[in-house]
Amino acid sequence: MREVFLPTLEQVSVLVIFIIIGYALKITGKVKDGKVLSSLLLWVFLPAVVFKVFSENFTVSKLGEAKDYLIAGCLVFGVVFGISYLISFRYSERMKRNVLWYSFVVTNMSYVGFVLVDRLLNEYVLYYMVFIIPFQIFIYTAAISMFKPEKEKFSIKGLISPVNVAMISGMAVGLIFDVAGIKMPSVITTIVSSASGCMSPAAMLLTGITLANVPIKTVFCSLEAYAFTFLRLIVFPAVIGGITYLLYLWLGFSAGIVKITLVYLALPFGLNSVVFAEAYGGDGSLGAQIGFLSHLFCIVTLPLLFLLISLI
């Protein structure tokens, strides 16, 4: 038990320390905002990570299993999307309802989720990236319109994002190089690896900078924020994850699907709901409150989750 819990706690603690550093930099005025870090993450670091994972691991022999994870990701997305809508439907104000809806669907998959899977479940890192494809498509297409003052029609242009381009090109390179039996030039692998290495600390620093915009008093005095955090970190993994595990026992699909599903379900709320809402003149305070609390409490819940996953 200690062999799993303590390493996970150590990894989560490292992430939290970087978040604290980012938080301290912001509240002390050393940095004004996270725009530069955000741009670097969106255009350089995260695409580099995605390209690296797919180009190195997406081979012909893994196509069949990757397909299963994509199907699982689509199914989980549909279930969470529907349940999240029912939870957020209680709000009559469109922006507040959509902030909550989006927050429940889009966890901190890229910044926290990827780092933990890469370090603690490395054999599943490719399948994790495949699993979250439906969520990435949602983020860059329909999700953005949820935060605009007026409803917008679905736009296919949203699919042309740095992350999606990196994913598709990484898939192509991985398959072509696998079939041809050749390796990528060392110069390119060095550049991609160097950029990928910056992703984790930069993402956590940005998370801390973003959380520093949240008034602490409003966070700890909001009972509904505690309730939503409890749903996100405890109820979703227990109920939806439990059903997934029962289906695994019944249908006999890969145990990796259960593990990746549990990781996604137990991650803290993403913070894009705050950024998107404020960018379009809306109120992102609810997203900020639940984002702060969920990142705080996941220090305890995530090590326990990975301990549970080790038993599957």
Protein backbone atom coordinates (compact mmCIF):
# COMPACT_ATOMS: atom_id res chain seq x y z
CA MET A 1 0.00 0.00 0.00
CA ARG A 2 2.78 2.45 0.93
CA GLU A 3 4.57 1.61 -2.33
CA VAL A 4 1.68 3.16 -4.26
CA PHE A 5 0.28 5.82 -1.93
CA LEU A 6 3.54 7.57 -1.05
CA PRO A 7 4.89 7.95 -4.63
CA THR A 8 1.50 9.28 -5.74
CA LEU A 9 1.39 11.70 -2.82
CA GLU A 10 4.89 12.82 -3.75
CA GLN A 11 3.88 13.49 -7.37
CA VAL A 12 0.74 15.36 -6.33
CA SER A 13 2.78 17.34 -3.79
CA VAL A 14 5.23 18.42 -6.50
CA LEU A 15 2.34 19.70 -8.61
CA VAL A 16 0.83 21.51 -5.63
CA ILE A 17 4.15 23.19 -4.79
CA PHE A 18 4.35 24.60 -8.31
CA ILE A 19 0.74 25.80 -7.94
CA ILE A 20 1.69 27.54 -4.67
CA ILE A 21 4.68 29.19 -6.36
CA GLY A 22 2.43 30.49 -9.15
CA TYR A 23 -0.09 31.69 -6.58
CA ALA A 24 2.62 33.49 -4.60
CA LEU A 25 4.06 35.14 -7.71
CA LYS A 26 0.65 36.56 -8.56
CA ILE A 27 -0.44 37.83 -5.14
CA THR A 28 2.96 39.45 -4.53
CA GLY A 29 2.77 41.23 -7.87
CA LYS A 30 5.83 39.55 -9.36
CA VAL A 31 3.69 38.57 -12.36
CA LYS A 32 0.64 40.49 -13.57
CA ASP A 33 -1.16 37.64 -15.29
CA GLY A 34 -0.62 34.28 -16.96
CA LYS A 35 -1.10 35.37 -20.58
CA VAL A 36 2.45 34.55 -21.66
CA LEU A 37 2.41 31.15 -19.95
CA SER A 38 -1.05 30.45 -21.36
CA SER A 39 0.12 31.23 -24.89
CA LEU A 40 3.24 29.09 -24.50
CA LEU A 41 1.19 26.18 -23.19
CA LEU A 42 -1.41 26.47 -25.93
CA TRP A 43 0.97 26.95 -28.85
CA VAL A 44 4.20 25.19 -27.81
CA PHE A 45 4.36 23.01 -24.69
CA LEU A 46 1.04 21.12 -24.82
CA PRO A 47 1.17 20.51 -28.61
CA ALA A 48 4.75 19.24 -28.14
CA VAL A 49 3.55 16.77 -25.49
CA VAL A 50 0.69 15.57 -27.66
CA PHE A 51 2.91 15.20 -30.74
CA LYS A 52 5.58 13.36 -28.73
CA VAL A 53 3.13 10.85 -27.26
CA PHE A 54 1.44 10.02 -30.55
CA SER A 55 4.55 10.03 -32.76
CA GLU A 56 6.40 7.69 -30.40
CA ASN A 57 3.55 5.35 -29.44
CA PHE A 58 0.87 5.38 -32.14
CA THR A 59 1.80 2.28 -34.12
CA VAL A 60 -0.09 -0.18 -36.29
CA SER A 61 -0.08 -2.81 -33.53
CA LYS A 62 -1.80 -0.39 -31.11
CA LEU A 63 -4.56 0.77 -33.45
CA GLY A 64 -7.08 -1.84 -32.28
CA GLU A 65 -6.67 -1.15 -28.58
CA ALA A 66 -6.56 2.62 -29.13
CA LYS A 67 -9.95 2.33 -30.86
CA ASP A 68 -11.41 0.75 -27.72
CA TYR A 69 -10.20 3.67 -25.59
CA LEU A 70 -11.69 6.15 -28.04
CA ILE A 71 -15.06 4.40 -27.84
CA ALA A 72 -14.82 4.36 -24.04
CA GLY A 73 -13.97 8.06 -24.03
CA CYS A 74 -17.01 8.85 -26.20
CA LEU A 75 -19.30 6.85 -23.91
CA VAL A 76 -17.95 8.44 -20.72
CA PHE A 77 -18.19 11.88 -22.31
CA GLY A 78 -21.85 11.28 -23.17
CA VAL A 79 -22.70 10.08 -19.65
CA VAL A 80 -20.86 12.91 -17.87
CA PHE A 81 -22.22 15.50 -20.30
CA GLY A 82 -25.80 14.43 -19.55
CA ILE A 83 -25.37 14.18 -15.78
CA SER A 84 -23.56 17.54 -15.67
CA TYR A 85 -26.43 19.19 -17.53
CA LEU A 86 -28.92 17.86 -14.98
CA ILE A 87 -26.77 19.23 -12.14
CA SER A 88 -26.39 22.67 -13.71
CA PHE A 89 -30.02 22.93 -14.91
CA ARG A 90 -31.07 24.33 -11.52
CA TYR A 91 -29.54 27.71 -12.45
CA SER A 92 -31.71 30.00 -14.55
CA GLU A 93 -28.84 32.35 -15.38
CA ARG A 94 -27.31 31.07 -18.62
CA MET A 95 -23.66 31.97 -17.88
CA LYS A 96 -23.66 30.45 -14.39
CA ARG A 97 -25.39 27.32 -15.67
CA ASN A 98 -22.89 26.91 -18.51
CA VAL A 99 -19.87 27.55 -16.28
CA LEU A 100 -20.96 24.73 -13.98
CA TRP A 101 -21.91 22.46 -16.88
CA TYR A 102 -18.58 22.96 -18.61
CA SER A 103 -16.61 22.59 -15.35
CA PHE A 104 -18.09 19.18 -14.60
CA VAL A 105 -17.39 17.89 -18.13
CA VAL A 106 -13.91 19.34 -18.60
CA THR A 107 -11.66 18.37 -15.71
CA ASN A 108 -8.02 19.44 -15.48
CA MET A 109 -7.23 16.68 -17.99
CA SER A 110 -4.21 18.20 -19.68
CA TYR A 111 -2.27 19.92 -16.91
CA VAL A 112 -2.89 17.62 -13.94
CA GLY A 113 -4.28 14.49 -15.62
CA PHE A 114 -1.61 14.02 -18.24
CA VAL A 115 1.25 14.63 -15.82
CA LEU A 116 -0.03 12.03 -13.34
CA VAL A 117 -0.73 9.42 -16.01
CA ASP A 118 2.66 10.04 -17.62
CA ARG A 119 4.48 9.55 -14.31
CA LEU A 120 2.36 6.94 -12.55
CA LEU A 121 0.63 5.00 -15.37
CA ASN A 122 3.12 5.55 -18.17
CA GLU A 123 2.11 2.41 -20.07
CA TYR A 124 -1.32 3.98 -20.61
CA VAL A 125 -0.21 7.49 -21.61
CA LEU A 126 -1.09 7.01 -25.30
CA TYR A 127 -4.47 5.51 -24.46
CA TYR A 128 -5.19 8.37 -22.05
CA MET A 129 -4.61 10.87 -24.86
CA VAL A 130 -6.92 8.86 -27.13
CA PHE A 131 -9.55 8.62 -24.37
CA ILE A 132 -9.81 12.40 -23.97
CA ILE A 133 -10.14 13.13 -27.72
CA PRO A 134 -13.96 13.64 -27.44
CA PHE A 135 -13.38 16.13 -24.63
CA GLN A 136 -10.75 18.02 -26.66
CA ILE A 137 -13.13 18.27 -29.61
CA PHE A 138 -15.83 19.60 -27.27
CA ILE A 139 -13.46 22.21 -25.79
CA TYR A 140 -12.44 23.67 -29.14
CA THR A 141 -15.86 23.61 -30.81
CA ALA A 142 -19.17 23.76 -28.94
CA ALA A 143 -17.76 24.66 -25.51
CA ILE A 144 -16.47 28.13 -26.40
CA SER A 145 -19.91 29.23 -27.62
CA MET A 146 -21.30 28.39 -24.15
CA PHE A 147 -19.48 31.42 -22.73
CA LYS A 148 -20.40 33.97 -25.37
CA PRO A 149 -23.29 36.39 -24.68
CA GLU A 150 -25.32 34.98 -27.56
CA LYS A 151 -25.57 31.39 -28.70
CA GLU A 152 -23.41 30.48 -31.67
CA LYS A 153 -23.74 27.76 -34.24
CA PHE A 154 -21.31 24.86 -34.17
CA SER A 155 -18.19 25.73 -36.17
CA ILE A 156 -15.90 23.14 -37.70
CA LYS A 157 -13.12 25.77 -37.67
CA GLY A 158 -12.75 25.18 -33.95
CA LEU A 159 -11.22 21.79 -34.67
CA ILE A 160 -8.17 23.50 -36.16
CA SER A 161 -6.40 24.06 -32.85
CA PRO A 162 -2.69 23.59 -32.01
CA VAL A 163 -3.46 20.52 -29.88
CA ASN A 164 -5.63 18.83 -32.52
CA VAL A 165 -3.11 19.59 -35.28
CA ALA A 166 -0.33 18.13 -33.11
CA MET A 167 -2.44 15.04 -32.41
CA ILE A 168 -3.27 14.35 -36.07
CA SER A 169 0.29 15.00 -37.26
CA GLY A 170 1.65 12.85 -34.43
CA MET A 171 -0.66 9.99 -35.44
CA ALA A 172 0.47 10.27 -39.06
CA VAL A 173 4.16 10.37 -38.16
CA GLY A 174 3.82 7.48 -35.73
CA LEU A 175 2.11 5.22 -38.28
CA ILE A 176 4.33 6.18 -41.23
CA PHE A 177 7.58 5.77 -39.31
CA ASP A 178 6.35 2.48 -37.82
CA VAL A 179 5.48 1.03 -41.25
CA ALA A 180 8.68 2.34 -42.83
CA GLY A 181 10.79 1.13 -39.90
CA ILE A 182 12.63 4.43 -39.53
CA LYS A 183 13.25 6.82 -36.64
CA MET A 184 12.60 10.52 -36.34
CA PRO A 185 15.68 12.77 -36.77
CA SER A 186 17.38 13.36 -33.42
CA VAL A 187 17.20 17.14 -33.79
CA ILE A 188 13.39 17.02 -33.93
CA THR A 189 13.10 14.57 -31.03
CA THR A 190 15.36 16.77 -28.90
CA ILE A 191 13.29 19.89 -29.65
CA VAL A 192 10.01 18.12 -28.96
CA SER A 193 11.31 16.50 -25.76
CA SER A 194 12.68 19.80 -24.48
CA ALA A 195 9.38 21.60 -25.10
CA SER A 196 7.44 18.71 -23.56
CA GLY A 197 9.52 18.90 -20.40
CA CYS A 198 8.37 22.47 -19.83
CA MET A 199 4.68 21.58 -19.88
CA SER A 200 4.22 20.31 -16.33
CA PRO A 201 5.84 23.16 -14.34
CA ALA A 202 4.43 25.82 -16.67
CA ALA A 203 0.92 24.37 -16.38
CA MET A 204 1.04 24.24 -12.60
CA LEU A 205 2.42 27.77 -12.36
CA LEU A 206 -0.43 28.98 -14.58
CA THR A 207 -2.92 27.12 -12.40
CA GLY A 208 -1.58 28.94 -9.33
CA ILE A 209 -1.65 32.31 -11.10
CA THR A 210 -5.26 31.73 -12.17
CA LEU A 211 -6.35 30.61 -8.70
CA ALA A 212 -4.79 33.77 -7.22
CA ASN A 213 -7.59 35.75 -8.86
CA VAL A 214 -10.11 34.07 -6.57
CA PRO A 215 -10.94 35.90 -3.30
CA ILE A 216 -10.16 33.35 -0.58
CA LYS A 217 -13.08 34.39 1.62
CA THR A 218 -15.63 33.69 -1.09
CA VAL A 219 -14.14 30.23 -1.67
CA PHE A 220 -14.34 28.90 1.88
CA CYS A 221 -17.74 30.46 2.62
CA SER A 222 -19.57 28.88 -0.32
CA LEU A 223 -21.47 25.75 0.72
CA GLU A 224 -22.46 24.96 -2.86
CA ALA A 225 -18.79 25.05 -3.90
CA TYR A 226 -18.07 22.35 -1.28
CA ALA A 227 -21.04 20.32 -2.54
CA PHE A 228 -19.92 20.49 -6.17
CA THR A 229 -16.34 19.63 -5.20
CA PHE A 230 -17.61 16.59 -3.29
CA LEU A 231 -19.57 15.50 -6.38
CA ARG A 232 -16.54 15.94 -8.62
CA LEU A 233 -13.90 14.26 -6.47
CA ILE A 234 -15.91 11.61 -4.62
CA VAL A 235 -19.35 10.89 -6.10
CA PHE A 236 -18.43 10.84 -9.81
CA PRO A 237 -15.49 8.42 -9.34
CA ALA A 238 -17.46 6.24 -6.91
CA VAL A 239 -20.68 5.96 -8.93
CA ILE A 240 -19.64 6.21 -12.58
CA GLY A 241 -16.28 4.54 -11.90
CA GLY A 242 -18.04 1.79 -9.95
CA ILE A 243 -20.43 1.12 -12.84
CA THR A 244 -17.47 1.03 -15.24
CA TYR A 245 -15.73 -1.52 -13.02
CA LEU A 246 -18.85 -3.73 -12.89
CA LEU A 247 -19.08 -3.57 -16.69
CA TYR A 248 -15.41 -4.53 -16.86
CA LEU A 249 -16.08 -7.63 -14.74
CA TRP A 250 -19.11 -8.49 -16.87
CA LEU A 251 -17.79 -7.74 -20.37
CA GLY A 252 -14.10 -8.40 -19.77
CA PHE A 253 -12.63 -5.39 -21.61
CA SER A 254 -9.19 -3.97 -20.81
CA ALA A 255 -8.53 -3.04 -17.18
CA GLY A 256 -6.72 0.02 -18.55
CA ILE A 257 -10.07 1.49 -19.61
CA VAL A 258 -11.27 1.32 -16.01
CA LYS A 259 -8.06 2.94 -14.75
CA ILE A 260 -8.12 5.80 -17.26
CA THR A 261 -11.83 6.39 -16.67
CA LEU A 262 -11.24 6.62 -12.92
CA VAL A 263 -8.37 9.07 -13.40
CA TYR A 264 -10.52 11.34 -15.57
CA LEU A 265 -13.47 11.18 -13.14
CA ALA A 266 -11.35 12.00 -10.06
CA LEU A 267 -9.46 14.99 -11.49
CA PRO A 268 -10.16 18.48 -10.14
CA PHE A 269 -12.27 20.93 -12.11
CA GLY A 270 -10.56 22.58 -15.06
CA LEU A 271 -9.96 26.33 -14.93
CA ASN A 272 -10.86 27.27 -18.50
CA SER A 273 -14.40 28.03 -17.36
CA VAL A 274 -13.01 30.99 -15.41
CA VAL A 275 -10.87 32.21 -18.32
CA PHE A 276 -13.61 31.79 -20.95
CA ALA A 277 -16.35 33.39 -18.84
CA GLU A 278 -14.28 36.45 -17.99
CA ALA A 279 -13.00 36.76 -21.57
CA TYR A 280 -16.57 37.25 -22.80
CA GLY A 281 -17.72 39.52 -19.97
CA GLY A 282 -19.42 36.84 -17.86
CA ASP A 283 -19.16 35.86 -14.20
CA GLY A 284 -16.63 33.10 -13.65
CA SER A 285 -16.70 33.26 -9.84
CA LEU A 286 -18.45 29.90 -9.41
CA GLY A 287 -15.91 28.19 -11.68
CA ALA A 288 -13.09 29.84 -9.72
CA GLN A 289 -14.51 28.71 -6.37
CA ILE A 290 -14.95 25.07 -7.32
CA GLY A 291 -11.65 25.09 -9.18
CA PHE A 292 -9.79 26.28 -6.10
CA LEU A 293 -11.46 23.85 -3.67
CA SER A 294 -11.12 20.83 -5.97
CA HIS A 295 -7.40 21.47 -6.50
CA LEU A 296 -6.98 21.83 -2.75
CA PHE A 297 -8.78 18.61 -1.79
CA CYS A 298 -7.34 16.49 -4.61
CA ILE A 299 -4.09 16.46 -2.62
CA VAL A 300 -5.80 13.78 -0.53
CA THR A 301 -8.24 12.21 -2.99
CA LEU A 302 -5.85 11.57 -5.90
CA PRO A 303 -3.30 9.49 -3.91
CA LEU A 304 -6.21 7.43 -2.58
CA LEU A 305 -7.53 6.99 -6.11
CA PHE A 306 -4.19 5.72 -7.47
CA LEU A 307 -3.98 3.36 -4.51
CA LEU A 308 -7.38 1.98 -5.58
CA ILE A 309 -6.29 1.76 -9.21
CA SER A 310 -3.26 -0.32 -8.22
CA LEU A 311 -5.65 -3.00 -6.95
CA ILE A 312 -7.45 -3.39 -10.31
